[in-house]
Amino acid sequence: MDSKPTLAFFGATGGCVLAVLTLSLQAGYSCTALVRTPSKLSRLLSVNSVPQENLNIVEGNVKDPAAVTKTLLGRSIIISGVGGVPKFTPNPFRPTLDDPVICQSATRNIVSCLQEIQKSAGVEYKPPLLAVISSTGLDPKTPDLAWALVPLYKILLAIPHADKEVMEEVVVAAPPGLLEYVIVRPGFLTDGAAGQKTVKAGYDGRVQKGDGRWGDVKGVVSGYTISRADVGRFLFEEVVTREGGEWKGKKVSLVY
């Protein structure tokens, strides 16, 4: 019997989620991905010779409950990195997105669909683990943002950050027994290969483990950047293979 978790992906054509999907398929995990254009995802995977025999692609939109439910059914780990397309406004210092509430809308729909699945499953329902990709710089009580990036985040990225704030609230406020979660707050996202720099992972109240992994830091970490590939690597190693590990129920800052 295959004991590996089964995976659902939202935002799979984006850098971070594409990275963890790639690693998951290479490791033989059963994956389902909801995308608007299946050929785009297939092409992105084919370019890097990623095997696709364990991939089920659902064509649709994350706002469509039927498509989301189809993606979630039978999946034990959910990874969401849905995002909008930048859209410039007459004020160059106030850019927005084509859908400025896409993160919260997607997450609300995932939660709502899980509630319907839970009703149908009854006592057989097992809460899945939901990992969402958020951002540093959201919580002034746990500063994880390098000071030089404050103007960029508080002014230029104010609208998408407001969306991610609400997204996090939706996850944390999910009804008891519906899901477990890991909220990943990466620094400013860059391109580049994984494993080239030390990735530091921390959260409010974390104690050092002495194992040297992920920088082995105490509390929240502060920094500037991290590559999309390294975010995907963290998600694969900690959320997929370790099924959340110590990061369950935490808001994890992730930077170099």
Protein backbone atom coordinates (compact mmCIF):
# COMPACT_ATOMS: atom_id res chain seq x y z
CA MET A 1 0.00 0.00 0.00
CA ASP A 2 1.35 3.41 -0.96
CA SER A 3 1.69 5.49 2.23
CA LYS A 4 2.81 8.65 0.47
CA PRO A 5 0.53 11.66 0.88
CA THR A 6 -1.47 12.73 -2.15
CA LEU A 7 -1.06 16.33 -3.25
CA ALA A 8 -3.23 19.14 -4.62
CA PHE A 9 -1.72 22.28 -6.16
CA PHE A 10 -3.19 25.72 -6.84
CA GLY A 11 -1.08 28.25 -8.75
CA ALA A 12 1.07 25.51 -10.26
CA THR A 13 2.36 27.58 -13.18
CA GLY A 14 3.93 30.09 -10.77
CA GLY A 15 7.56 29.81 -9.70
CA CYS A 16 7.25 28.62 -6.09
CA VAL A 17 4.45 26.12 -6.61
CA LEU A 18 5.92 24.91 -9.89
CA ALA A 19 9.16 24.21 -8.03
CA VAL A 20 7.51 22.04 -5.37
CA LEU A 21 5.31 20.31 -7.95
CA THR A 22 8.42 19.48 -9.98
CA LEU A 23 10.17 17.94 -6.98
CA SER A 24 7.04 16.03 -6.01
CA LEU A 25 6.58 14.51 -9.47
CA GLN A 26 10.25 13.59 -9.65
CA ALA A 27 9.84 11.77 -6.33
CA GLY A 28 6.80 9.85 -7.55
CA TYR A 29 4.03 11.56 -5.57
CA SER A 30 0.46 11.52 -6.89
CA CYS A 31 -0.38 15.13 -7.79
CA THR A 32 -3.44 17.03 -8.95
CA ALA A 33 -3.10 20.61 -10.19
CA LEU A 34 -5.83 23.10 -11.03
CA VAL A 35 -4.79 25.41 -13.86
CA ARG A 36 -6.58 27.60 -16.35
CA THR A 37 -4.37 26.48 -19.26
CA PRO A 38 -3.24 22.83 -18.97
CA SER A 39 -0.96 23.09 -21.99
CA LYS A 40 1.05 25.81 -20.24
CA LEU A 41 1.75 23.61 -17.23
CA SER A 42 2.59 20.60 -19.40
CA ARG A 43 5.00 22.73 -21.41
CA LEU A 44 6.73 24.12 -18.31
CA LEU A 45 7.25 20.61 -16.96
CA SER A 46 8.35 19.18 -20.30
CA VAL A 47 11.07 21.81 -20.69
CA ASN A 48 12.79 20.34 -17.63
CA SER A 49 11.95 16.72 -18.51
CA VAL A 50 9.73 16.32 -15.44
CA PRO A 51 7.75 13.04 -15.49
CA GLN A 52 4.01 13.62 -15.71
CA GLU A 53 2.52 10.14 -15.37
CA ASN A 54 1.52 10.87 -11.75
CA LEU A 55 0.00 14.23 -12.59
CA ASN A 56 -3.71 14.87 -13.02
CA ILE A 57 -4.42 18.32 -14.45
CA VAL A 58 -7.83 19.86 -13.76
CA GLU A 59 -8.73 22.66 -16.14
CA GLY A 60 -10.51 25.53 -14.45
CA ASN A 61 -10.42 28.55 -12.20
CA VAL A 62 -9.75 28.63 -8.47
CA LYS A 63 -12.96 30.66 -8.07
CA ASP A 64 -15.04 27.77 -9.45
CA PRO A 65 -16.19 25.53 -6.55
CA ALA A 66 -16.69 22.52 -8.82
CA ALA A 67 -13.14 22.71 -10.18
CA VAL A 68 -11.66 23.29 -6.72
CA THR A 69 -13.60 20.36 -5.25
CA LYS A 70 -12.43 18.08 -8.06
CA THR A 71 -8.83 19.11 -7.31
CA LEU A 72 -9.18 18.54 -3.55
CA LEU A 73 -10.92 15.16 -3.52
CA GLY A 74 -8.68 12.43 -2.19
CA ARG A 75 -5.78 14.79 -1.52
CA SER A 76 -4.08 14.89 1.89
CA ILE A 77 -1.77 17.89 1.34
CA ILE A 78 -2.77 21.13 -0.39
CA ILE A 79 -0.29 23.73 -1.60
CA SER A 80 -1.56 27.11 -2.75
CA GLY A 81 0.50 29.89 -4.26
CA VAL A 82 -2.17 31.65 -6.28
CA GLY A 83 -1.32 35.20 -7.28
CA GLY A 84 -2.42 38.00 -9.54
CA VAL A 85 -0.83 39.72 -12.51
CA PRO A 86 0.68 43.17 -11.75
CA LYS A 87 -1.40 46.06 -13.05
CA PHE A 88 -0.13 49.61 -13.08
CA THR A 89 -2.34 52.56 -12.16
CA PRO A 90 -2.06 56.30 -12.90
CA ASN A 91 -0.14 56.54 -9.63
CA PRO A 92 3.21 54.79 -10.34
CA PHE A 93 3.77 54.35 -6.61
CA ARG A 94 0.51 52.46 -6.14
CA PRO A 95 0.50 49.45 -8.50
CA THR A 96 -2.18 46.84 -8.01
CA LEU A 97 -3.13 43.43 -9.42
CA ASP A 98 -5.59 42.36 -12.10
CA ASP A 99 -7.47 40.80 -9.17
CA PRO A 100 -6.43 42.52 -5.92
CA VAL A 101 -8.24 39.96 -3.72
CA ILE A 102 -7.22 36.77 -5.53
CA CYS A 103 -5.36 35.20 -2.58
CA GLN A 104 -8.19 35.61 -0.10
CA SER A 105 -10.83 34.60 -2.67
CA ALA A 106 -8.95 31.44 -3.60
CA THR A 107 -8.38 30.48 0.02
CA ARG A 108 -12.00 31.12 1.00
CA ASN A 109 -13.07 28.86 -1.84
CA ILE A 110 -10.67 26.10 -0.79
CA VAL A 111 -11.96 26.28 2.79
CA SER A 112 -15.58 26.31 1.65
CA CYS A 113 -15.06 23.30 -0.63
CA LEU A 114 -13.31 21.40 2.17
CA GLN A 115 -16.35 22.03 4.36
CA GLU A 116 -18.60 20.43 1.75
CA ILE A 117 -16.20 17.49 1.38
CA GLN A 118 -16.17 17.11 5.17
CA LYS A 119 -19.99 17.01 5.27
CA SER A 120 -20.08 14.29 2.63
CA ALA A 121 -17.32 12.21 4.24
CA GLY A 122 -18.68 12.37 7.78
CA VAL A 123 -16.60 10.46 10.33
CA GLU A 124 -14.27 9.25 7.57
CA TYR A 125 -13.00 12.78 6.99
CA LYS A 126 -9.30 13.36 7.70
CA PRO A 127 -8.20 17.00 7.83
CA PRO A 128 -5.69 17.77 5.06
CA LEU A 129 -2.61 19.92 5.53
CA LEU A 130 -2.90 23.26 3.74
CA ALA A 131 0.26 25.24 2.97
CA VAL A 132 -0.19 28.76 1.61
CA ILE A 133 2.51 31.08 0.29
CA SER A 134 2.25 34.50 1.89
CA SER A 135 4.98 37.13 2.44
CA THR A 136 7.28 38.66 5.00
CA GLY A 137 6.47 42.12 6.32
CA LEU A 138 2.89 41.44 7.39
CA ASP A 139 3.13 41.36 11.17
CA PRO A 140 4.70 44.31 13.03
CA LYS A 141 4.72 42.25 16.24
CA THR A 142 7.08 39.69 14.69
CA PRO A 143 9.37 41.74 12.41
CA ASP A 144 10.81 39.59 9.65
CA LEU A 145 11.45 42.31 7.10
CA ALA A 146 14.85 43.91 6.53
CA TRP A 147 14.56 47.67 7.12
CA ALA A 148 15.73 48.58 3.61
CA LEU A 149 12.71 46.79 2.12
CA VAL A 150 10.12 48.55 4.27
CA PRO A 151 9.31 51.32 1.70
CA LEU A 152 8.93 48.75 -1.10
CA TYR A 153 6.59 46.56 0.92
CA LYS A 154 4.57 49.24 2.67
CA ILE A 155 4.04 51.45 -0.40
CA LEU A 156 4.55 49.63 -3.69
CA LEU A 157 3.30 46.26 -2.46
CA ALA A 158 0.61 47.52 -0.09
CA ILE A 159 -2.34 46.15 -2.09
CA PRO A 160 -1.10 42.58 -2.61
CA HIS A 161 0.09 42.51 1.00
CA ALA A 162 -3.36 43.49 2.24
CA ASP A 163 -4.73 40.56 0.25
CA LYS A 164 -2.25 38.15 1.82
CA GLU A 165 -3.09 39.44 5.30
CA VAL A 166 -6.72 38.51 4.80
CA MET A 167 -5.69 35.17 3.25
CA GLU A 168 -3.77 34.31 6.42
CA GLU A 169 -6.78 35.26 8.54
CA VAL A 170 -8.99 32.94 6.48
CA VAL A 171 -6.60 30.03 7.02
CA VAL A 172 -6.21 30.57 10.76
CA ALA A 173 -9.97 31.02 11.24
CA ALA A 174 -10.90 27.75 9.51
CA PRO A 175 -13.30 25.66 11.64
CA PRO A 176 -11.63 23.22 14.06
CA GLY A 177 -11.10 19.79 12.51
CA LEU A 178 -11.33 21.06 8.93
CA LEU A 179 -7.63 21.44 8.14
CA GLU A 180 -4.11 21.81 9.47
CA TYR A 181 -1.91 24.52 8.07
CA VAL A 182 1.54 25.94 7.42
CA ILE A 183 1.76 29.58 6.38
CA VAL A 184 5.03 30.27 4.54
CA ARG A 185 6.23 33.88 4.46
CA PRO A 186 9.11 34.12 1.98
CA GLY A 187 11.25 37.20 1.53
CA PHE A 188 11.44 39.12 -1.74
CA LEU A 189 11.28 36.42 -4.41
CA THR A 190 14.09 35.99 -6.91
CA ASP A 191 15.00 33.56 -9.68
CA GLY A 192 17.91 31.16 -9.45
CA ALA A 193 18.69 27.58 -8.55
CA ALA A 194 17.93 26.04 -5.16
CA GLY A 195 20.59 25.18 -2.64
CA GLN A 196 23.05 27.93 -3.51
CA LYS A 197 22.62 29.79 -0.20
CA THR A 198 21.67 28.89 3.36
CA VAL A 199 17.92 29.19 3.84
CA LYS A 200 16.81 30.39 7.26
CA ALA A 201 13.37 29.41 8.55
CA GLY A 202 11.84 30.69 11.77
CA TYR A 203 8.64 31.63 13.53
CA ASP A 204 7.56 33.44 16.65
CA GLY A 205 8.57 31.36 19.67
CA ARG A 206 10.80 28.91 17.82
CA VAL A 207 13.64 27.37 19.82
CA GLN A 208 16.90 26.23 18.28
CA LYS A 209 17.05 22.48 17.68
CA GLY A 210 20.80 22.08 17.36
CA ASP A 211 20.40 20.18 14.11
CA GLY A 212 21.77 22.87 11.79
CA ARG A 213 18.80 22.62 9.42
CA TRP A 214 17.27 25.75 7.87
CA GLY A 215 19.74 27.98 9.67
CA ASP A 216 18.76 26.53 13.07
CA VAL A 217 17.49 29.91 14.22
CA LYS A 218 15.68 31.10 17.32
CA GLY A 219 12.38 32.89 16.80
CA VAL A 220 11.54 34.83 13.64
CA VAL A 221 14.18 35.39 10.95
CA SER A 222 14.72 38.67 9.12
CA GLY A 223 16.26 39.06 5.70
CA TYR A 224 15.95 40.34 2.17
CA THR A 225 15.44 37.69 -0.49
CA ILE A 226 14.93 34.04 -1.29
CA SER A 227 14.62 32.24 -4.61
CA ARG A 228 11.38 30.69 -5.76
CA ALA A 229 13.27 27.42 -6.17
CA ASP A 230 14.31 27.44 -2.51
CA VAL A 231 10.76 28.17 -1.39
CA GLY A 232 9.70 25.14 -3.41
CA ARG A 233 12.49 23.08 -1.85
CA PHE A 234 11.37 24.02 1.67
CA LEU A 235 7.77 23.15 0.85
CA PHE A 236 8.80 19.82 -0.62
CA GLU A 237 11.14 18.79 2.18
CA GLU A 238 9.05 20.06 5.10
CA VAL A 239 5.42 20.08 3.97
CA VAL A 240 5.39 17.18 1.53
CA THR A 241 7.96 14.68 2.80
CA ARG A 242 7.67 15.52 6.52
CA GLU A 243 3.97 16.38 6.32
CA GLY A 244 4.49 19.72 8.07
CA GLY A 245 6.75 18.61 10.89
CA GLU A 246 7.46 21.33 13.46
CA TRP A 247 6.00 23.98 11.14
CA LYS A 248 2.35 22.92 11.53
CA GLY A 249 0.22 25.76 12.81
CA LYS A 250 3.03 28.27 12.32
CA LYS A 251 3.68 31.36 10.21
CA VAL A 252 7.14 30.58 8.92
CA SER A 253 9.43 33.37 7.70
CA LEU A 254 11.81 32.11 5.02
CA VAL A 255 14.84 34.12 3.86
CA TYR A 256 18.57 33.93 3.11
